[in-house]
Amino acid sequence: MFILNKLKKRLANTRPAKRPQGKVPARSNKRKLELPKRSLSAILEVGENVNKDNNADINSEDINNEPENTASNSDTTIDERHYASLNKEQRKSKPNKAVVNKYLNVKFASRKECLQATRKEDRPRFIIDTYPCFKDPSEVLEKVRRSLSQPEEEDVGHYLKTCVENLKIKLDHLIYYGISKSALRPPTNISDGRIVKVIHLMKGLNNVFKPKGKQSTKQLKAKEIFHVIEGDEGPCDWQRKRSSYIPGLAVSSNGAALLLGRDIFIIFSAGEMVEAVITLIASFYLMDLDYPSGLLVGLSIMQQICFGDSVIHPDGKDDVIKAWNDLQKYCSD
């Protein structure tokens, strides 16, 4: 009897074998996980783009067999990835200039297209918000170097230093040329050397290199891109008065401030006045803007001296060529 009870108890604890159950339609749809084809395609596309970017050897047949819109999507993805890397680096407290410069080199053409598609009135804010790395004057000059397809140096600031030396060499010639044309008076205070001279030149640049014909009121106002602050006046006061989106340089005895739109973009010390003037001219390249008509001849001459850029706007080509030849003749005498 004892043995019989033990057997019954063990049999009661044994689980019966489950019979195979057929599909339950209501459950099969919930349990089956399917990724949408579009999402999966996007995931594969990202991986494909990484390989394309890291590997130089790509099968041309694979590229030709891709859908027509894959190239544009690939470019967009790469652009976004490059900008994300650039943005991460440029917003550091101490960004690596060499790294920033490399990222700027990679997408120079697409960045230029994006800027040209932006309204001129909105370009100052676009530059300030999107590319704070250009608050470094060396990077502003690097934009000029890329535009002129000049070779890159290991030192990011090398091109700026070269342009500064180019202007310093010709500065006295420009001053004396202006005096010979009765367009400039001799500087009254030369104790600060090139600092006073470059300010003196810029104040009268539109008089030294005048365009042909009578200047209109609009042309006369063009000299307002360069302003000497008097008394307690601040650069923002001058900026509000001129109400313009073009770059401007406000200078004082303490230094200079480069403005884009209504915002102060770069601050220069009193000893960096030549650098400030060169960065002002380079800012027109940075924002892809034409020179004001009243300063078209003068700034075109300055760009040839500083950057070696002989490309001239058609509106002032004859005036610039004549002024340049006249200046070269004066310097050679």
C-alpha atoms as a PDB file:
ATOM      1  CA  MET A   1       0.000   0.000   0.000  1.00  0.00           C
ATOM      2  CA  PHE A   2       2.840   2.329   0.846  1.00  0.00           C
ATOM      3  CA  ILE A   3       4.558   1.563  -2.456  1.00  0.00           C
ATOM      4  CA  LEU A   4       1.300   2.139  -4.397  1.00  0.00           C
ATOM      5  CA  ASN A   5       0.822   5.619  -2.846  1.00  0.00           C
ATOM      6  CA  LYS A   6       4.403   6.532  -3.734  1.00  0.00           C
ATOM      7  CA  LEU A   7       3.850   5.574  -7.377  1.00  0.00           C
ATOM      8  CA  LYS A   8       0.602   7.592  -7.601  1.00  0.00           C
ATOM      9  CA  LYS A   9       2.300  10.647  -6.128  1.00  0.00           C
ATOM     10  CA  ARG A  10       5.191  10.433  -8.619  1.00  0.00           C
ATOM     11  CA  LEU A  11       2.815   9.990 -11.525  1.00  0.00           C
ATOM     12  CA  ALA A  12       0.858  13.055 -10.377  1.00  0.00           C
ATOM     13  CA  ASN A  13       4.034  15.198 -10.441  1.00  0.00           C
ATOM     14  CA  THR A  14       4.977  14.193 -13.983  1.00  0.00           C
ATOM     15  CA  ARG A  15       4.112  16.757 -16.677  1.00  0.00           C
ATOM     16  CA  PRO A  16       2.264  15.354 -19.625  1.00  0.00           C
ATOM     17  CA  ALA A  17       3.895  15.774 -23.032  1.00  0.00           C
ATOM     18  CA  LYS A  18       2.537  18.787 -24.935  1.00  0.00           C
ATOM     19  CA  ARG A  19       0.873  18.095 -28.193  1.00  0.00           C
ATOM     20  CA  PRO A  20       2.124  20.208 -31.154  1.00  0.00           C
ATOM     21  CA  GLN A  21      -0.056  23.229 -31.509  1.00  0.00           C
ATOM     22  CA  GLY A  22      -0.947  24.780 -34.808  1.00  0.00           C
ATOM     23  CA  LYS A  23      -0.412  28.429 -35.741  1.00  0.00           C
ATOM     24  CA  VAL A  24      -2.495  30.953 -33.943  1.00  0.00           C
ATOM     25  CA  PRO A  25      -3.137  33.717 -36.522  1.00  0.00           C
ATOM     26  CA  ALA A  26      -3.875  36.319 -33.880  1.00  0.00           C
ATOM     27  CA  ARG A  27      -0.485  35.754 -32.242  1.00  0.00           C
ATOM     28  CA  SER A  28       1.743  35.146 -35.269  1.00  0.00           C
ATOM     29  CA  ASN A  29       1.421  38.716 -36.554  1.00  0.00           C
ATOM     30  CA  LYS A  30       2.332  40.166 -33.167  1.00  0.00           C
ATOM     31  CA  ARG A  31       5.327  37.974 -32.587  1.00  0.00           C
ATOM     32  CA  LYS A  32       6.817  38.270 -36.056  1.00  0.00           C
ATOM     33  CA  LEU A  33       9.237  41.270 -36.170  1.00  0.00           C
ATOM     34  CA  GLU A  34       9.847  42.847 -39.534  1.00  0.00           C
ATOM     35  CA  LEU A  35      11.930  45.991 -40.169  1.00  0.00           C
ATOM     36  CA  PRO A  36      10.443  48.342 -42.732  1.00  0.00           C
ATOM     37  CA  LYS A  37      12.431  48.189 -45.959  1.00  0.00           C
ATOM     38  CA  ARG A  38      13.039  51.956 -45.920  1.00  0.00           C
ATOM     39  CA  SER A  39      14.583  51.888 -42.435  1.00  0.00           C
ATOM     40  CA  LEU A  40      16.769  48.915 -43.274  1.00  0.00           C
ATOM     41  CA  SER A  41      17.877  50.603 -46.475  1.00  0.00           C
ATOM     42  CA  ALA A  42      18.849  53.717 -44.546  1.00  0.00           C
ATOM     43  CA  ILE A  43      20.877  51.648 -42.087  1.00  0.00           C
ATOM     44  CA  LEU A  44      22.724  49.881 -44.886  1.00  0.00           C
ATOM     45  CA  GLU A  45      23.274  53.176 -46.696  1.00  0.00           C
ATOM     46  CA  VAL A  46      25.037  54.678 -43.680  1.00  0.00           C
ATOM     47  CA  GLY A  47      27.362  51.700 -43.460  1.00  0.00           C
ATOM     48  CA  GLU A  48      28.012  51.903 -47.185  1.00  0.00           C
ATOM     49  CA  ASN A  49      28.889  55.581 -46.954  1.00  0.00           C
ATOM     50  CA  VAL A  50      31.424  54.936 -44.196  1.00  0.00           C
ATOM     51  CA  ASN A  51      33.160  52.364 -46.368  1.00  0.00           C
ATOM     52  CA  LYS A  52      33.174  54.685 -49.330  1.00  0.00           C
ATOM     53  CA  ASP A  53      34.697  57.445 -47.259  1.00  0.00           C
ATOM     54  CA  ASN A  54      37.410  55.249 -45.722  1.00  0.00           C
ATOM     55  CA  ASN A  55      38.333  53.182 -48.776  1.00  0.00           C
ATOM     56  CA  ALA A  56      39.755  54.671 -51.916  1.00  0.00           C
ATOM     57  CA  ASP A  57      39.188  51.585 -54.109  1.00  0.00           C
ATOM     58  CA  ILE A  58      35.527  51.270 -55.000  1.00  0.00           C
ATOM     59  CA  ASN A  59      34.033  49.047 -57.647  1.00  0.00           C
ATOM     60  CA  SER A  60      32.687  51.336 -60.380  1.00  0.00           C
ATOM     61  CA  GLU A  61      30.087  48.733 -61.388  1.00  0.00           C
ATOM     62  CA  ASP A  62      28.555  48.853 -57.897  1.00  0.00           C
ATOM     63  CA  ILE A  63      28.260  52.627 -58.130  1.00  0.00           C
ATOM     64  CA  ASN A  64      26.642  52.464 -61.551  1.00  0.00           C
ATOM     65  CA  ASN A  65      24.109  49.899 -60.327  1.00  0.00           C
ATOM     66  CA  GLU A  66      22.947  52.067 -57.425  1.00  0.00           C
ATOM     67  CA  PRO A  67      19.643  53.976 -57.629  1.00  0.00           C
ATOM     68  CA  GLU A  68      19.865  57.502 -59.030  1.00  0.00           C
ATOM     69  CA  ASN A  69      19.201  59.210 -55.692  1.00  0.00           C
ATOM     70  CA  THR A  70      21.844  57.222 -53.780  1.00  0.00           C
ATOM     71  CA  ALA A  71      24.642  59.638 -54.741  1.00  0.00           C
ATOM     72  CA  SER A  72      22.818  62.678 -53.446  1.00  0.00           C
ATOM     73  CA  ASN A  73      21.844  60.876 -50.244  1.00  0.00           C
ATOM     74  CA  SER A  74      25.438  59.699 -49.817  1.00  0.00           C
ATOM     75  CA  ASP A  75      26.814  63.211 -50.261  1.00  0.00           C
ATOM     76  CA  THR A  76      24.301  64.583 -47.787  1.00  0.00           C
ATOM     77  CA  THR A  77      25.201  61.951 -45.209  1.00  0.00           C
ATOM     78  CA  ILE A  78      28.924  62.597 -45.639  1.00  0.00           C
ATOM     79  CA  ASP A  79      28.391  66.375 -45.421  1.00  0.00           C
ATOM     80  CA  GLU A  80      26.447  65.961 -42.198  1.00  0.00           C
ATOM     81  CA  ARG A  81      29.080  63.695 -40.730  1.00  0.00           C
ATOM     82  CA  HIS A  82      31.916  66.070 -41.632  1.00  0.00           C
ATOM     83  CA  TYR A  83      30.068  69.067 -40.204  1.00  0.00           C
ATOM     84  CA  ALA A  84      29.241  67.154 -37.016  1.00  0.00           C
ATOM     85  CA  SER A  85      32.946  66.390 -36.561  1.00  0.00           C
ATOM     86  CA  LEU A  86      33.923  69.972 -37.362  1.00  0.00           C
ATOM     87  CA  ASN A  87      31.276  71.383 -35.033  1.00  0.00           C
ATOM     88  CA  LYS A  88      32.410  69.151 -32.188  1.00  0.00           C
ATOM     89  CA  GLU A  89      35.995  70.360 -32.584  1.00  0.00           C
ATOM     90  CA  GLN A  90      35.344  74.064 -33.248  1.00  0.00           C
ATOM     91  CA  ARG A  91      33.172  74.470 -30.140  1.00  0.00           C
ATOM     92  CA  LYS A  92      35.818  73.182 -27.775  1.00  0.00           C
ATOM     93  CA  SER A  93      37.366  75.687 -25.377  1.00  0.00           C
ATOM     94  CA  LYS A  94      40.713  75.089 -27.081  1.00  0.00           C
ATOM     95  CA  PRO A  95      40.073  73.640 -30.556  1.00  0.00           C
ATOM     96  CA  ASN A  96      42.890  72.076 -32.520  1.00  0.00           C
ATOM     97  CA  LYS A  97      43.491  74.501 -35.404  1.00  0.00           C
ATOM     98  CA  ALA A  98      45.031  71.857 -37.624  1.00  0.00           C
ATOM     99  CA  VAL A  99      42.026  69.546 -37.187  1.00  0.00           C
ATOM    100  CA  VAL A 100      39.527  72.354 -37.823  1.00  0.00           C
ATOM    101  CA  ASN A 101      41.416  73.415 -40.922  1.00  0.00           C
ATOM    102  CA  LYS A 102      41.395  69.882 -42.324  1.00  0.00           C
ATOM    103  CA  TYR A 103      37.622  69.626 -41.967  1.00  0.00           C
ATOM    104  CA  LEU A 104      37.192  73.031 -43.620  1.00  0.00           C
ATOM    105  CA  ASN A 105      39.365  71.891 -46.527  1.00  0.00           C
ATOM    106  CA  VAL A 106      37.286  68.774 -47.156  1.00  0.00           C
ATOM    107  CA  LYS A 107      33.916  70.427 -47.836  1.00  0.00           C
ATOM    108  CA  PHE A 108      35.019  73.810 -49.195  1.00  0.00           C
ATOM    109  CA  ALA A 109      32.954  73.593 -52.400  1.00  0.00           C
ATOM    110  CA  SER A 110      29.702  72.447 -50.762  1.00  0.00           C
ATOM    111  CA  ARG A 111      30.082  75.074 -48.034  1.00  0.00           C
ATOM    112  CA  LYS A 112      30.471  77.770 -50.699  1.00  0.00           C
ATOM    113  CA  GLU A 113      27.321  76.578 -52.482  1.00  0.00           C
ATOM    114  CA  CYS A 114      25.387  76.696 -49.213  1.00  0.00           C
ATOM    115  CA  LEU A 115      26.597  80.241 -48.545  1.00  0.00           C
ATOM    116  CA  GLN A 116      25.677  81.420 -52.041  1.00  0.00           C
ATOM    117  CA  ALA A 117      22.186  79.994 -51.561  1.00  0.00           C
ATOM    118  CA  THR A 118      21.797  82.154 -48.422  1.00  0.00           C
ATOM    119  CA  ARG A 119      20.509  85.712 -48.734  1.00  0.00           C
ATOM    120  CA  LYS A 120      23.226  88.338 -48.404  1.00  0.00           C
ATOM    121  CA  GLU A 121      21.380  89.916 -45.487  1.00  0.00           C
ATOM    122  CA  ASP A 122      21.413  86.570 -43.630  1.00  0.00           C
ATOM    123  CA  ARG A 123      25.047  85.634 -44.268  1.00  0.00           C
ATOM    124  CA  PRO A 124      26.540  87.388 -41.220  1.00  0.00           C
ATOM    125  CA  ARG A 125      24.295  85.433 -38.840  1.00  0.00           C
ATOM    126  CA  PHE A 126      24.879  82.217 -40.825  1.00  0.00           C
ATOM    127  CA  ILE A 127      28.664  82.548 -40.447  1.00  0.00           C
ATOM    128  CA  ILE A 128      28.519  83.517 -36.770  1.00  0.00           C
ATOM    129  CA  ASP A 129      26.135  80.721 -35.750  1.00  0.00           C
ATOM    130  CA  THR A 130      27.352  77.909 -37.993  1.00  0.00           C
ATOM    131  CA  TYR A 131      31.098  78.494 -38.188  1.00  0.00           C
ATOM    132  CA  PRO A 132      32.443  80.125 -35.008  1.00  0.00           C
ATOM    133  CA  CYS A 133      35.873  78.806 -36.051  1.00  0.00           C
ATOM    134  CA  PHE A 134      36.143  81.842 -38.351  1.00  0.00           C
ATOM    135  CA  LYS A 135      36.526  84.030 -35.294  1.00  0.00           C
ATOM    136  CA  ASP A 136      40.170  83.113 -35.708  1.00  0.00           C
ATOM    137  CA  PRO A 137      41.662  85.584 -38.272  1.00  0.00           C
ATOM    138  CA  SER A 138      43.935  82.810 -39.557  1.00  0.00           C
ATOM    139  CA  GLU A 139      40.883  80.776 -40.628  1.00  0.00           C
ATOM    140  CA  VAL A 140      39.369  83.792 -42.408  1.00  0.00           C
ATOM    141  CA  LEU A 141      42.584  84.069 -44.434  1.00  0.00           C
ATOM    142  CA  GLU A 142      42.542  80.328 -45.043  1.00  0.00           C
ATOM    143  CA  LYS A 143      39.217  80.874 -46.833  1.00  0.00           C
ATOM    144  CA  VAL A 144      41.051  83.237 -49.212  1.00  0.00           C
ATOM    145  CA  ARG A 145      43.830  80.677 -49.701  1.00  0.00           C
ATOM    146  CA  ARG A 146      41.319  77.979 -50.638  1.00  0.00           C
ATOM    147  CA  SER A 147      39.516  80.341 -53.031  1.00  0.00           C
ATOM    148  CA  LEU A 148      42.803  81.066 -54.821  1.00  0.00           C
ATOM    149  CA  SER A 149      43.840  77.370 -54.822  1.00  0.00           C
ATOM    150  CA  GLN A 150      47.111  78.161 -53.083  1.00  0.00           C
ATOM    151  CA  PRO A 151      49.078  75.400 -51.316  1.00  0.00           C
ATOM    152  CA  GLU A 152      48.393  74.633 -47.680  1.00  0.00           C
ATOM    153  CA  GLU A 153      51.134  75.035 -45.100  1.00  0.00           C
ATOM    154  CA  GLU A 154      51.524  73.056 -41.896  1.00  0.00           C
ATOM    155  CA  ASP A 155      51.183  76.248 -39.842  1.00  0.00           C
ATOM    156  CA  VAL A 156      47.565  77.417 -40.126  1.00  0.00           C
ATOM    157  CA  GLY A 157      48.613  81.033 -39.527  1.00  0.00           C
ATOM    158  CA  HIS A 158      51.300  81.014 -42.221  1.00  0.00           C
ATOM    159  CA  TYR A 159      49.116  82.524 -44.949  1.00  0.00           C
ATOM    160  CA  LEU A 160      47.983  85.385 -42.701  1.00  0.00           C
ATOM    161  CA  LYS A 161      51.602  86.156 -41.824  1.00  0.00           C
ATOM    162  CA  THR A 162      52.531  86.148 -45.512  1.00  0.00           C
ATOM    163  CA  CYS A 163      49.732  88.595 -46.380  1.00  0.00           C
ATOM    164  CA  VAL A 164      50.715  90.866 -43.479  1.00  0.00           C
ATOM    165  CA  GLU A 165      54.291  91.018 -44.762  1.00  0.00           C
ATOM    166  CA  ASN A 166      53.055  91.754 -48.295  1.00  0.00           C
ATOM    167  CA  LEU A 167      51.116  94.790 -47.074  1.00  0.00           C
ATOM    168  CA  LYS A 168      53.893  96.016 -44.791  1.00  0.00           C
ATOM    169  CA  ILE A 169      56.326  96.023 -47.730  1.00  0.00           C
ATOM    170  CA  LYS A 170      54.007  98.164 -49.883  1.00  0.00           C
ATOM    171  CA  LEU A 171      52.507 100.339 -47.142  1.00  0.00           C
ATOM    172  CA  ASP A 172      54.934 103.257 -47.488  1.00  0.00           C
ATOM    173  CA  HIS A 173      54.611 103.163 -51.264  1.00  0.00           C
ATOM    174  CA  LEU A 174      50.824 103.399 -50.997  1.00  0.00           C
ATOM    175  CA  ILE A 175      51.029 106.321 -48.553  1.00  0.00           C
ATOM    176  CA  TYR A 176      53.478 108.290 -50.708  1.00  0.00           C
ATOM    177  CA  TYR A 177      51.501 107.458 -53.844  1.00  0.00           C
ATOM    178  CA  GLY A 178      48.386 108.912 -52.217  1.00  0.00           C
ATOM    179  CA  ILE A 179      50.302 112.026 -51.168  1.00  0.00           C
ATOM    180  CA  SER A 180      51.617 112.469 -54.731  1.00  0.00           C
ATOM    181  CA  LYS A 181      48.015 112.366 -55.976  1.00  0.00           C
ATOM    182  CA  SER A 182      46.996 114.992 -53.370  1.00  0.00           C
ATOM    183  CA  ALA A 183      44.556 112.380 -52.063  1.00  0.00           C
ATOM    184  CA  LEU A 184      46.300 111.987 -48.701  1.00  0.00           C
ATOM    185  CA  ARG A 185      48.033 114.277 -46.293  1.00  0.00           C
ATOM    186  CA  PRO A 186      51.260 113.156 -44.620  1.00  0.00           C
ATOM    187  CA  PRO A 187      50.547 111.307 -41.340  1.00  0.00           C
ATOM    188  CA  THR A 188      50.834 113.749 -38.437  1.00  0.00           C
ATOM    189  CA  ASN A 189      51.913 111.186 -35.846  1.00  0.00           C
ATOM    190  CA  ILE A 190      54.192 108.374 -36.952  1.00  0.00           C
ATOM    191  CA  SER A 191      55.397 107.357 -33.499  1.00  0.00           C
ATOM    192  CA  ASP A 192      53.345 104.145 -33.785  1.00  0.00           C
ATOM    193  CA  GLY A 193      54.762 103.381 -37.233  1.00  0.00           C
ATOM    194  CA  ARG A 194      52.658 101.059 -39.377  1.00  0.00           C
ATOM    195  CA  ILE A 195      49.659 101.242 -37.029  1.00  0.00           C
ATOM    196  CA  VAL A 196      49.043 104.914 -37.819  1.00  0.00           C
ATOM    197  CA  LYS A 197      50.012 104.495 -41.466  1.00  0.00           C
ATOM    198  CA  VAL A 198      47.548 101.717 -42.223  1.00  0.00           C
ATOM    199  CA  ILE A 199      44.747 103.665 -40.507  1.00  0.00           C
ATOM    200  CA  HIS A 200      45.700 106.772 -42.477  1.00  0.00           C
ATOM    201  CA  LEU A 201      45.646 104.801 -45.733  1.00  0.00           C
ATOM    202  CA  MET A 202      42.287 103.151 -45.110  1.00  0.00           C
ATOM    203  CA  LYS A 203      40.611 106.427 -44.144  1.00  0.00           C
ATOM    204  CA  GLY A 204      41.486 107.892 -47.544  1.00  0.00           C
ATOM    205  CA  LEU A 205      41.489 104.756 -49.683  1.00  0.00           C
ATOM    206  CA  ASN A 206      38.485 105.804 -51.759  1.00  0.00           C
ATOM    207  CA  ASN A 207      40.231 109.137 -52.500  1.00  0.00           C
ATOM    208  CA  VAL A 208      43.533 107.526 -53.497  1.00  0.00           C
ATOM    209  CA  PHE A 209      41.850 105.121 -55.916  1.00  0.00           C
ATOM    210  CA  LYS A 210      38.792 106.844 -57.308  1.00  0.00           C
ATOM    211  CA  PRO A 211      36.549 105.259 -59.931  1.00  0.00           C
ATOM    212  CA  LYS A 212      35.900 107.183 -63.122  1.00  0.00           C
ATOM    213  CA  GLY A 213      33.095 109.720 -63.270  1.00  0.00           C
ATOM    214  CA  LYS A 214      31.223 111.499 -60.539  1.00  0.00           C
ATOM    215  CA  GLN A 215      30.605 109.508 -57.383  1.00  0.00           C
ATOM    216  CA  SER A 216      27.040 109.012 -56.292  1.00  0.00           C
ATOM    217  CA  THR A 217      25.851 109.356 -52.704  1.00  0.00           C
ATOM    218  CA  LYS A 218      25.781 105.571 -52.463  1.00  0.00           C
ATOM    219  CA  GLN A 219      29.410 105.357 -53.552  1.00  0.00           C
ATOM    220  CA  LEU A 220      30.505 108.002 -51.058  1.00  0.00           C
ATOM    221  CA  LYS A 221      28.918 106.029 -48.222  1.00  0.00           C
ATOM    222  CA  ALA A 222      31.025 103.022 -49.141  1.00  0.00           C
ATOM    223  CA  LYS A 223      33.951 104.394 -47.111  1.00  0.00           C
ATOM    224  CA  GLU A 224      31.942 103.576 -43.995  1.00  0.00           C
ATOM    225  CA  ILE A 225      33.293 100.024 -43.944  1.00  0.00           C
ATOM    226  CA  PHE A 226      36.249 101.585 -42.119  1.00  0.00           C
ATOM    227  CA  HIS A 227      35.545 103.884 -39.178  1.00  0.00           C
ATOM    228  CA  VAL A 228      37.714 105.566 -36.566  1.00  0.00           C
ATOM    229  CA  ILE A 229      35.913 105.713 -33.221  1.00  0.00           C
ATOM    230  CA  GLU A 230      35.906 109.164 -31.660  1.00  0.00           C
ATOM    231  CA  GLY A 231      35.445 109.937 -27.952  1.00  0.00           C
ATOM    232  CA  ASP A 232      33.071 107.621 -26.110  1.00  0.00           C
ATOM    233  CA  GLU A 233      31.541 106.245 -29.300  1.00  0.00           C
ATOM    234  CA  GLY A 234      31.320 102.453 -29.472  1.00  0.00           C
ATOM    235  CA  PRO A 235      31.569 100.217 -32.540  1.00  0.00           C
ATOM    236  CA  CYS A 236      27.910  99.230 -32.143  1.00  0.00           C
ATOM    237  CA  ASP A 237      26.862 102.893 -32.396  1.00  0.00           C
ATOM    238  CA  TRP A 238      28.639 103.168 -35.724  1.00  0.00           C
ATOM    239  CA  GLN A 239      27.204  99.868 -36.892  1.00  0.00           C
ATOM    240  CA  ARG A 240      23.643 101.019 -36.196  1.00  0.00           C
ATOM    241  CA  LYS A 241      24.230 104.213 -38.132  1.00  0.00           C
ATOM    242  CA  ARG A 242      25.549 102.568 -41.260  1.00  0.00           C
ATOM    243  CA  SER A 243      22.854  99.842 -41.219  1.00  0.00           C
ATOM    244  CA  SER A 244      24.642  97.455 -43.529  1.00  0.00           C
ATOM    245  CA  TYR A 245      25.300  93.709 -43.773  1.00  0.00           C
ATOM    246  CA  ILE A 246      28.765  94.092 -45.307  1.00  0.00           C
ATOM    247  CA  PRO A 247      31.871  93.675 -43.121  1.00  0.00           C
ATOM    248  CA  GLY A 248      33.151  96.727 -41.294  1.00  0.00           C
ATOM    249  CA  LEU A 249      36.161  97.615 -39.184  1.00  0.00           C
ATOM    250  CA  ALA A 250      35.916 100.031 -36.253  1.00  0.00           C
ATOM    251  CA  VAL A 251      39.301 101.198 -34.950  1.00  0.00           C
ATOM    252  CA  SER A 252      40.421 103.163 -31.918  1.00  0.00           C
ATOM    253  CA  SER A 253      43.635 103.815 -30.042  1.00  0.00           C
ATOM    254  CA  ASN A 254      43.024 100.616 -28.050  1.00  0.00           C
ATOM    255  CA  GLY A 255      42.509  98.255 -30.973  1.00  0.00           C
ATOM    256  CA  ALA A 256      39.981  97.304 -33.631  1.00  0.00           C
ATOM    257  CA  ALA A 257      36.727  95.359 -33.952  1.00  0.00           C
ATOM    258  CA  LEU A 258      35.646  93.509 -37.080  1.00  0.00           C
ATOM    259  CA  LEU A 259      31.865  93.504 -37.464  1.00  0.00           C
ATOM    260  CA  LEU A 260      29.659  91.182 -39.489  1.00  0.00           C
ATOM    261  CA  GLY A 261      26.176  92.555 -39.766  1.00  0.00           C
ATOM    262  CA  ARG A 262      25.366  94.114 -36.402  1.00  0.00           C
ATOM    263  CA  ASP A 263      27.635  91.844 -34.387  1.00  0.00           C
ATOM    264  CA  ILE A 264      31.239  92.244 -33.299  1.00  0.00           C
ATOM    265  CA  PHE A 265      32.973  89.199 -34.739  1.00  0.00           C
ATOM    266  CA  ILE A 266      36.715  89.546 -34.016  1.00  0.00           C
ATOM    267  CA  ILE A 267      38.654  91.804 -31.643  1.00  0.00           C
ATOM    268  CA  PHE A 268      42.200  92.936 -32.484  1.00  0.00           C
ATOM    269  CA  SER A 269      44.740  94.588 -30.203  1.00  0.00           C
ATOM    270  CA  ALA A 270      46.326  97.941 -31.054  1.00  0.00           C
ATOM    271  CA  GLY A 271      49.427  96.158 -32.355  1.00  0.00           C
ATOM    272  CA  GLU A 272      47.384  94.022 -34.765  1.00  0.00           C
ATOM    273  CA  MET A 273      46.035  96.827 -36.935  1.00  0.00           C
ATOM    274  CA  VAL A 274      47.604  95.508 -40.152  1.00  0.00           C
ATOM    275  CA  GLU A 275      46.138  92.056 -39.433  1.00  0.00           C
ATOM    276  CA  ALA A 276      42.746  93.697 -38.813  1.00  0.00           C
ATOM    277  CA  VAL A 277      42.754  95.488 -42.186  1.00  0.00           C
ATOM    278  CA  ILE A 278      43.746  92.323 -44.045  1.00  0.00           C
ATOM    279  CA  THR A 279      41.042  90.322 -42.248  1.00  0.00           C
ATOM    280  CA  LEU A 280      38.503  92.999 -43.207  1.00  0.00           C
ATOM    281  CA  ILE A 281      39.330  92.534 -46.893  1.00  0.00           C
ATOM    282  CA  ALA A 282      39.332  88.742 -46.475  1.00  0.00           C
ATOM    283  CA  SER A 283      35.845  88.921 -44.908  1.00  0.00           C
ATOM    284  CA  PHE A 284      34.406  89.760 -48.329  1.00  0.00           C
ATOM    285  CA  TYR A 285      35.786  86.418 -49.542  1.00  0.00           C
ATOM    286  CA  LEU A 286      34.413  84.714 -46.429  1.00  0.00           C
ATOM    287  CA  MET A 287      30.889  86.022 -47.052  1.00  0.00           C
ATOM    288  CA  ASP A 288      31.149  85.865 -50.857  1.00  0.00           C
ATOM    289  CA  LEU A 289      30.260  89.545 -51.263  1.00  0.00           C
ATOM    290  CA  ASP A 290      31.262  92.156 -53.833  1.00  0.00           C
ATOM    291  CA  TYR A 291      33.129  95.253 -52.731  1.00  0.00           C
ATOM    292  CA  PRO A 292      31.096  98.468 -52.331  1.00  0.00           C
ATOM    293  CA  SER A 293      31.193 100.447 -55.572  1.00  0.00           C
ATOM    294  CA  GLY A 294      32.991 103.427 -54.020  1.00  0.00           C
ATOM    295  CA  LEU A 295      35.815 101.178 -52.788  1.00  0.00           C
ATOM    296  CA  LEU A 296      35.867  98.711 -55.668  1.00  0.00           C
ATOM    297  CA  VAL A 297      39.092 100.092 -57.147  1.00  0.00           C
ATOM    298  CA  GLY A 298      40.886 100.592 -53.832  1.00  0.00           C
ATOM    299  CA  LEU A 299      40.028  97.185 -52.361  1.00  0.00           C
ATOM    300  CA  SER A 300      40.853  95.453 -55.656  1.00  0.00           C
ATOM    301  CA  ILE A 301      44.312  97.039 -55.510  1.00  0.00           C
ATOM    302  CA  MET A 302      44.668  95.954 -51.884  1.00  0.00           C
ATOM    303  CA  GLN A 303      43.696  92.359 -52.691  1.00  0.00           C
ATOM    304  CA  GLN A 304      46.376  92.207 -55.367  1.00  0.00           C
ATOM    305  CA  ILE A 305      49.001  93.475 -52.929  1.00  0.00           C
ATOM    306  CA  CYS A 306      47.946  91.276 -49.996  1.00  0.00           C
ATOM    307  CA  PHE A 307      46.738  88.080 -51.683  1.00  0.00           C
ATOM    308  CA  GLY A 308      48.140  88.292 -55.196  1.00  0.00           C
ATOM    309  CA  ASP A 309      44.573  87.988 -56.500  1.00  0.00           C
ATOM    310  CA  SER A 310      44.190  89.718 -59.869  1.00  0.00           C
ATOM    311  CA  VAL A 311      40.554  88.697 -60.451  1.00  0.00           C
ATOM    312  CA  ILE A 312      38.602  91.949 -60.836  1.00  0.00           C
ATOM    313  CA  HIS A 313      34.878  92.642 -60.843  1.00  0.00           C
ATOM    314  CA  PRO A 314      33.793  93.559 -64.406  1.00  0.00           C
ATOM    315  CA  ASP A 315      32.276  96.865 -63.243  1.00  0.00           C
ATOM    316  CA  GLY A 316      35.674  98.277 -62.269  1.00  0.00           C
ATOM    317  CA  LYS A 317      38.086  96.318 -64.446  1.00  0.00           C
ATOM    318  CA  ASP A 318      39.338  99.244 -66.541  1.00  0.00           C
ATOM    319  CA  ASP A 319      39.728 101.536 -63.512  1.00  0.00           C
ATOM    320  CA  VAL A 320      41.600  98.873 -61.530  1.00  0.00           C
ATOM    321  CA  ILE A 321      43.994  98.032 -64.358  1.00  0.00           C
ATOM    322  CA  LYS A 322      44.758 101.701 -64.935  1.00  0.00           C
ATOM    323  CA  ALA A 323      45.294 102.392 -61.216  1.00  0.00           C
ATOM    324  CA  TRP A 324      47.448  99.279 -60.794  1.00  0.00           C
ATOM    325  CA  ASN A 325      49.698 100.193 -63.734  1.00  0.00           C
ATOM    326  CA  ASP A 326      49.983 103.752 -62.442  1.00  0.00           C
ATOM    327  CA  LEU A 327      50.955 102.498 -58.976  1.00  0.00           C
ATOM    328  CA  GLN A 328      53.548 100.095 -60.389  1.00  0.00           C
ATOM    329  CA  LYS A 329      55.069 102.886 -62.466  1.00  0.00           C
ATOM    330  CA  TYR A 330      55.275 105.135 -59.395  1.00  0.00           C
ATOM    331  CA  CYS A 331      56.943 102.400 -57.310  1.00  0.00           C
ATOM    332  CA  SER A 332      59.508 101.654 -60.018  1.00  0.00           C
ATOM    333  CA  ASP A 333      60.587 105.328 -60.448  1.00  0.00           C
END
